[in-house]
């Protein structure tokens, strides 16, 4: 894999969804560089420990470590941010769930919205200070070209019939819209914020949605890793990428809707 002009100095990366097919590939590719300190986020400690050990064995990167956090729970994200020491240079929001039936967190939030949308939102806000300390730094939101169906009046499917595919599409639209909102807020502080579609990989997530996938996990991770390491990617903010190229995003032009969504997500800080 040729990542072009890479940032070679010591960098700290935080990767969510690190035990999924694409997330694991992102971690492994990043950990191949001995200057990269890579922190994996997972929910299952046994699985996360096993995968971390395997990647260290392959890459010999002793700077790789993991944290156990349920990203659907704001309290756990805040606890992680409070115990974090030092700057953060790259945050890759990648975690997603696609439960076949409607589920809720202990706080009563629909699970897919809580994980796929609020998890990105809460983590980015919680680590803003660390990202500014590490500037120039960046946030990469792994979204999807399969996006749409967002209803800001019913984000948790309390009125609409829940389907995991519709809820997933909504969450990926929200990821792309919130990318623009955060890019606007952080552009003067040395933090770029961009979104991307990863490759189409056969994974548990895609299978839950009724799809397979024609690319390997490493191929699927290519664009997120390039965005996390390329000097060229640092120069852009508020953009949506496919196959390493900025692509016109139809969800990025309605600033009123973007700000309304940001404010709705902000209200969940009180839950």
Protein backbone atom coordinates (compact mmCIF):
# COMPACT_ATOMS: atom_id res chain seq x y z
CA UNK A 1 0.00 0.00 0.00
CA UNK A 2 1.33 3.41 -0.99
CA UNK A 3 0.04 6.18 1.26
CA UNK A 4 1.92 8.93 -0.52
CA UNK A 5 3.32 11.73 1.59
CA UNK A 6 2.95 10.41 5.15
CA UNK A 7 3.42 12.17 8.44
CA UNK A 8 6.47 10.40 9.90
CA UNK A 9 6.79 11.88 13.41
CA UNK A 10 5.37 10.30 16.53
CA UNK A 11 1.59 10.38 16.38
CA UNK A 12 -1.14 9.13 18.72
CA UNK A 13 -4.17 7.48 17.11
CA UNK A 14 -7.48 6.51 18.72
CA UNK A 15 -9.55 3.99 16.72
CA UNK A 16 -13.12 3.03 17.63
CA UNK A 17 -14.74 -0.17 16.45
CA UNK A 18 -11.24 -1.61 16.49
CA UNK A 19 -12.28 -5.27 16.63
CA UNK A 20 -14.53 -5.18 13.56
CA UNK A 21 -13.30 -6.23 10.14
CA UNK A 22 -12.42 -2.75 8.89
CA UNK A 23 -11.42 -1.41 12.31
CA UNK A 24 -8.93 -4.21 12.90
CA UNK A 25 -7.41 -3.60 9.46
CA UNK A 26 -7.12 0.13 10.20
CA UNK A 27 -5.32 -0.61 13.47
CA UNK A 28 -2.97 -3.13 11.89
CA UNK A 29 -2.01 -0.82 9.03
CA UNK A 30 -1.39 2.11 11.35
CA UNK A 31 0.61 -0.02 13.81
CA UNK A 32 3.06 -1.03 11.08
CA UNK A 33 4.69 2.36 11.56
CA UNK A 34 6.83 2.20 14.74
CA UNK A 35 6.29 5.94 15.30
CA UNK A 36 2.56 5.39 15.70
CA UNK A 37 1.06 4.97 19.15
CA UNK A 38 -2.27 3.26 18.43
CA UNK A 39 -5.07 2.98 20.98
CA UNK A 40 -7.85 0.53 20.19
CA UNK A 41 -11.37 0.97 21.57
CA UNK A 42 -13.55 -2.10 21.98
CA UNK A 43 -16.47 -3.36 24.07
CA UNK A 44 -15.47 -7.00 24.56
CA UNK A 45 -12.27 -7.18 26.62
CA UNK A 46 -11.38 -10.78 25.74
CA UNK A 47 -11.78 -10.13 22.00
CA UNK A 48 -10.02 -6.77 22.12
CA UNK A 49 -7.11 -8.23 24.10
CA UNK A 50 -6.75 -11.13 21.65
CA UNK A 51 -6.76 -8.91 18.57
CA UNK A 52 -4.34 -6.41 20.15
CA UNK A 53 -1.94 -9.24 21.01
CA UNK A 54 -2.15 -10.59 17.46
CA UNK A 55 -1.43 -7.19 15.91
CA UNK A 56 1.52 -6.56 18.23
CA UNK A 57 2.85 -9.98 17.23
CA UNK A 58 2.65 -9.07 13.54
CA UNK A 59 3.80 -5.44 13.69
CA UNK A 60 6.14 -5.57 16.75
CA UNK A 61 4.67 -2.21 17.74
CA UNK A 62 4.85 -2.13 21.53
CA UNK A 63 3.04 1.21 21.61
CA UNK A 64 -0.26 -0.41 20.72
CA UNK A 65 -2.77 -0.65 23.57
CA UNK A 66 -6.51 -0.79 24.11
CA UNK A 67 -9.33 0.65 26.19
CA UNK A 68 -12.71 -0.94 26.89
CA UNK A 69 -15.54 1.53 26.29
CA UNK A 70 -19.19 1.18 25.29
CA UNK A 71 -19.60 4.12 22.91
CA UNK A 72 -23.37 4.14 23.35
CA UNK A 73 -22.78 5.30 26.95
CA UNK A 74 -21.72 8.92 27.31
CA UNK A 75 -20.53 8.35 30.89
CA UNK A 76 -17.95 5.80 29.71
CA UNK A 77 -16.67 8.18 27.02
CA UNK A 78 -16.26 10.96 29.57
CA UNK A 79 -14.41 8.57 31.89
CA UNK A 80 -12.02 7.67 29.06
CA UNK A 81 -11.37 11.33 28.25
CA UNK A 82 -10.75 12.12 31.92
CA UNK A 83 -8.10 9.43 32.32
CA UNK A 84 -6.40 10.18 28.99
CA UNK A 85 -2.92 11.65 29.31
CA UNK A 86 -1.21 13.73 26.64
CA UNK A 87 -2.35 14.93 23.23
CA UNK A 88 -4.32 13.08 20.59
CA UNK A 89 -3.35 13.53 16.96
CA UNK A 90 -5.87 11.37 15.08
CA UNK A 91 -9.35 10.21 16.10
CA UNK A 92 -10.95 7.63 13.81
CA UNK A 93 -14.67 7.28 14.58
CA UNK A 94 -15.44 3.91 13.07
CA UNK A 95 -17.65 1.96 15.51
CA UNK A 96 -21.16 0.99 14.39
CA UNK A 97 -23.86 -1.49 15.30
CA UNK A 98 -26.83 -2.73 13.26
CA UNK A 99 -29.14 -4.67 15.61
CA UNK A 100 -32.00 -6.38 13.70
CA UNK A 101 -34.60 -5.20 16.21
CA UNK A 102 -34.98 -1.89 18.01
CA UNK A 103 -32.96 -1.83 21.23
CA UNK A 104 -32.24 0.84 23.83
CA UNK A 105 -29.29 1.74 26.04
CA UNK A 106 -29.75 1.77 29.83
CA UNK A 107 -30.37 5.52 29.43
CA UNK A 108 -33.30 4.79 27.09
CA UNK A 109 -31.65 5.89 23.81
CA UNK A 110 -32.18 3.80 20.67
CA UNK A 111 -29.00 1.76 20.37
CA UNK A 112 -28.02 2.42 16.76
CA UNK A 113 -28.45 6.18 17.09
CA UNK A 114 -26.59 6.14 20.42
CA UNK A 115 -23.61 4.18 19.03
CA UNK A 116 -23.35 5.25 15.42
CA UNK A 117 -24.18 8.93 15.85
CA UNK A 118 -23.92 10.05 19.47
CA UNK A 119 -20.81 7.91 19.99
CA UNK A 120 -19.04 9.91 17.25
CA UNK A 121 -20.47 13.17 18.60
CA UNK A 122 -19.63 12.56 22.27
CA UNK A 123 -16.12 11.26 21.57
CA UNK A 124 -15.22 14.19 19.32
CA UNK A 125 -16.46 16.69 21.89
CA UNK A 126 -14.80 14.88 24.79
CA UNK A 127 -11.40 14.88 23.03
CA UNK A 128 -11.49 18.39 21.55
CA UNK A 129 -8.96 19.69 24.06
CA UNK A 130 -6.61 16.76 23.42
CA UNK A 131 -6.93 17.21 19.66
CA UNK A 132 -6.16 20.91 19.92
CA UNK A 133 -3.12 20.04 22.06
CA UNK A 134 -1.97 17.69 19.29
CA UNK A 135 -2.61 20.10 16.43
CA UNK A 136 -2.23 19.79 13.56
CA UNK A 137 -4.60 16.93 14.23
CA UNK A 138 -7.56 15.33 12.55
CA UNK A 139 -10.87 13.52 13.01
CA UNK A 140 -11.95 10.90 10.48
CA UNK A 141 -15.59 9.87 10.57
CA UNK A 142 -16.14 6.56 8.84
CA UNK A 143 -19.53 7.05 7.22
CA UNK A 144 -20.93 5.46 4.04
CA UNK A 145 -22.21 6.24 0.58
CA UNK A 146 -25.29 4.28 1.66
CA UNK A 147 -26.87 7.17 3.57
CA UNK A 148 -30.22 8.90 3.84
CA UNK A 149 -33.65 8.67 5.51
CA UNK A 150 -32.76 11.07 8.34
CA UNK A 151 -35.82 12.35 10.22
CA UNK A 152 -34.73 14.88 12.81
CA UNK A 153 -38.15 14.66 14.48
CA UNK A 154 -37.82 10.90 14.99
CA UNK A 155 -34.11 10.07 15.25
CA UNK A 156 -34.80 7.16 17.61
CA UNK A 157 -37.58 5.50 15.58
CA UNK A 158 -40.22 6.05 18.24
CA UNK A 159 -42.86 6.90 15.61
CA UNK A 160 -41.46 5.25 12.49
CA UNK A 161 -41.27 1.50 12.03
CA UNK A 162 -37.72 0.48 12.90
CA UNK A 163 -35.61 -1.31 10.34
CA UNK A 164 -31.90 -1.70 10.91
CA UNK A 165 -31.10 -0.70 7.32
CA UNK A 166 -33.10 2.53 7.55
CA UNK A 167 -31.59 3.32 10.97
CA UNK A 168 -28.11 2.64 9.59
CA UNK A 169 -28.65 4.88 6.55
CA UNK A 170 -29.89 7.63 8.85
CA UNK A 171 -26.83 7.28 11.09
CA UNK A 172 -24.44 7.55 8.15
CA UNK A 173 -26.20 10.68 6.87
CA UNK A 174 -25.90 12.12 10.36
CA UNK A 175 -22.17 11.29 10.45
CA UNK A 176 -21.64 13.21 7.22
CA UNK A 177 -23.68 16.20 8.40
CA UNK A 178 -21.99 16.38 11.80
CA UNK A 179 -18.61 16.24 10.06
CA UNK A 180 -19.43 19.63 8.53
CA UNK A 181 -20.62 20.99 11.89
CA UNK A 182 -17.42 19.97 13.70
CA UNK A 183 -15.20 21.12 10.82
CA UNK A 184 -16.71 24.60 11.12
CA UNK A 185 -16.12 24.69 14.87
CA UNK A 186 -12.56 23.36 14.83
CA UNK A 187 -11.06 24.78 11.62
CA UNK A 188 -9.37 27.68 13.39
CA UNK A 189 -7.88 25.40 16.08
CA UNK A 190 -5.70 23.21 13.88
CA UNK A 191 -8.10 20.25 13.74
CA UNK A 192 -9.43 18.97 10.41
CA UNK A 193 -12.63 16.92 10.36
CA UNK A 194 -13.54 14.79 7.35
CA UNK A 195 -15.77 11.81 6.57
CA UNK A 196 -15.34 8.89 4.22
CA UNK A 197 -16.88 5.78 2.78
CA UNK A 198 -14.63 2.79 3.49
CA UNK A 199 -14.47 -0.14 1.10
CA UNK A 200 -17.28 -2.68 0.74
CA UNK A 201 -16.18 -5.50 3.04
CA UNK A 202 -17.99 -8.70 3.95
CA UNK A 203 -18.44 -8.22 7.70
CA UNK A 204 -20.84 -8.89 10.55
CA UNK A 205 -22.20 -5.37 10.10
CA UNK A 206 -22.83 -5.74 6.38
CA UNK A 207 -24.31 -9.23 6.89
CA UNK A 208 -26.75 -7.83 9.46
CA UNK A 209 -27.92 -5.41 6.77
CA UNK A 210 -28.35 -8.20 4.23
CA UNK A 211 -25.20 -7.51 2.23
CA UNK A 212 -21.90 -9.24 1.57
CA UNK A 213 -18.87 -7.38 0.26
CA UNK A 214 -16.32 -7.73 -2.53
CA UNK A 215 -13.26 -6.16 -0.88
CA UNK A 216 -10.82 -7.43 1.74
CA UNK A 217 -10.66 -5.70 5.13
CA UNK A 218 -7.31 -4.16 4.14
CA UNK A 219 -8.84 -2.78 0.95
CA UNK A 220 -11.77 -1.48 2.97
CA UNK A 221 -9.41 0.27 5.38
CA UNK A 222 -7.38 1.95 2.65
CA UNK A 223 -9.20 5.29 2.50
CA UNK A 224 -9.54 5.76 6.30
CA UNK A 225 -5.83 4.96 6.78
CA UNK A 226 -4.84 7.32 3.98
CA UNK A 227 -6.96 10.06 5.57
CA UNK A 228 -5.34 9.37 8.95
CA UNK A 229 -1.77 9.57 7.66
CA UNK A 230 -1.56 11.58 4.44
CA UNK A 231 -0.31 15.14 4.63
CA UNK A 232 -2.69 16.03 1.80
CA UNK A 233 -5.70 14.92 3.86
CA UNK A 234 -4.76 17.30 6.69
CA UNK A 235 -5.17 20.28 4.38
CA UNK A 236 -8.90 19.68 3.80
CA UNK A 237 -11.75 19.91 6.30
CA UNK A 238 -15.49 19.37 6.19
CA UNK A 239 -15.18 17.05 3.18
CA UNK A 240 -16.50 13.60 2.29
CA UNK A 241 -14.16 11.10 0.60
CA UNK A 242 -14.56 7.97 -1.48
CA UNK A 243 -11.52 6.05 -2.77
CA UNK A 244 -9.16 8.74 -1.38
CA UNK A 245 -10.92 11.46 -3.38
CA UNK A 246 -13.18 14.26 -2.12
CA UNK A 247 -16.70 13.68 -3.40
CA UNK A 248 -19.68 16.03 -3.60
CA UNK A 249 -21.80 15.43 -0.52
CA UNK A 250 -25.48 16.19 -0.97
CA UNK A 251 -25.93 16.36 2.81
CA UNK A 252 -23.31 19.07 3.32
CA UNK A 253 -25.10 22.05 1.79
CA UNK A 254 -28.07 22.53 4.14
CA UNK A 255 -26.42 24.47 6.95
CA UNK A 256 -29.71 24.98 8.79
CA UNK A 257 -30.36 21.24 8.94
CA UNK A 258 -26.75 20.55 9.96
CA UNK A 259 -26.94 23.00 12.86
CA UNK A 260 -30.33 21.68 13.91
CA UNK A 261 -28.92 18.15 14.08
CA UNK A 262 -25.89 19.35 16.05
CA UNK A 263 -28.14 21.05 18.58
CA UNK A 264 -30.34 17.97 18.95
CA UNK A 265 -27.25 15.86 19.62
CA UNK A 266 -26.02 18.45 22.09
CA UNK A 267 -29.26 18.05 24.04
CA UNK A 268 -28.33 14.42 24.69
CA UNK A 269 -25.46 15.63 26.88
CA UNK A 270 -28.15 16.12 29.51
CA UNK A 271 -29.40 12.52 29.36
